[in-house]
Amino acid sequence: MGHVDSGKTTLLDAIQSTNVQAREAGGITQGIGASKVISKSGFEITFIDTPGHSAFEAMRSRGAEVADIAILVVAADDGVKPQTKEAIEHIKKADVPCIVAITKIDLASANTESVRGQLEKEGVFLEGRGGDVPVVEVSAKDKKGLIELLEMIELVAQVKEVESDAESKFEAVVVETGKDKRGSLVTVVVRNGKLAVGETVKAGNQTCKVKALFDYQQKSVREVLPGQAALILGFGHLPAVGSPLAKSDVSEKSDRPEEKKETRSISKKGEVLVLIKASNAGALEAVIQNLPEKVQAIAGSVGEITDSDVFLAKASGADIYAFEVKPALQIRTLAKTESVKIYSFTIIYELFDQLSQIIESKKVKVLGKAEIINIFPFNDKKIAGSRMLEGEIDKNSKLSIYRGEEKIGEAKKILSLKKLREDVEKVSGGEEFGILFVPQLDFKKGDVILSVAG
């Protein structure tokens, strides 16, 4: 666990001599990855790699809760960052043993003593400085400290008596869910007992017969032992992430879906409406929980974009935002026909950046602001006696009338603009004036006139 770009996945790559990090979109982990390493002594270690981006807090929390030992990764050049502090809180809450791995010690800007001091300020007291939390300095690039880290994990496991039993009662936890061409996939970590193909399991209200199991390398396996992670194929509906998984005597599938389809609803004006699709439940949760305040998600679900998603987006006036999901050709064609925009992203902060840009583009640039302080009849029309509060209004201004937060309407043309009964071309700060515009609108005393750009 640790801050984005702290070197978590690169460290695992070095330990496993793999290249997972290079395959990550933008070089960051955006799901809970699981992998297994066997030390020189034959000790098996299953690593769960949690994302570092701030949007994935809930996923880090689950990672800490399911783990026997937490590895807090801190980059020697960056030190303690916001997500580092957040990870520390999750580790403390889960009450699991912790090892600190200080990464990137090969960099010229590395300062391991500074990192130690920063950790102490966050209540992480290290060995050698009066505390009992082990610390290992590592460099994925130079392969330094990797053996020492594995040895430390093994030592802590022995000291803390971390044990499991393949013959004991089955116990596992759902850490992620998703869908691909094979169907609904549920990622679990087995804590005790073992799981085999053909057995029936239950998570929350969802029951399934295990059709297939895949290990961390996506290889098909017949059974999963304690301490191992696996993908289960066979659920009809996705269970809630974080659900305990148990064996069941019931072979029928539940028809009650736990996957959340609907998302938060916001009652503010001027919202950007979106429909969210994501590759897995953790990613969906991360996107929805971190949407900008002026964005309303009308719906959100896991899996491929469907015809129904396009039609729902059209009916709602929403755009579709897909995270780690690519729309099929027929869906892109349908969306174009129905004038529905689909945005696809593989990096989560790019999705948020796009939304921020859209929100910014929708902001009204106010050139002048006046308050209506009186109303004067004129033939069959009304003149708004007003006082300028800021900026200016001229005879060519585009006007919008507001009553509190509510927009009453827009004036298409100013027929008359007078100050002290004299026609003027514009009025500015503090001046009182009379204005006649069309359409008349149902304005009242206290309403605000805005002169807006565009």
Foldseek 3Di string as FASTA:
>chain_A
DEAWPLCQVLLVCLLVVHPVQVVAVVSWDDAFAWDWDAAPVRDIAIDTDATRDPLQLVLLLLNLQQDQEEEQRGEQQPAHDPSSLSSVVSNVVSVHAYAYEHEPPVDPNGDVVVNQVVVVVSVDHEPPRPDPHHYFYAYSVVGPRSNVVVVVVVVVCVVVVQDEEQPDFWKKFFSKWFADPLGTKTKIATAYHKDFQQFWKDFDQWIWHFNWKAFSVRHTDGMDHHNGMIITPTTPADHDHGTMMHTDPDHDTDPDHPWFWAADADDAPPAAEEAEEEGISSSQSSLRVPAPPRYGYGTYGHDEDDPVNLVVCLVVVHAYEYEPYDHDPVVVVSNVVSVHHYHYYPDRVVSNVVNVVVSVVPDWAFQWKKFQADWDDDPPAIKGWIWTAAHKDFQPFKKWKADVSRTQGTFPGWPFKAAPNHGDGMDGHGGIIITGTPPRTDDDGGIMMTGTDD
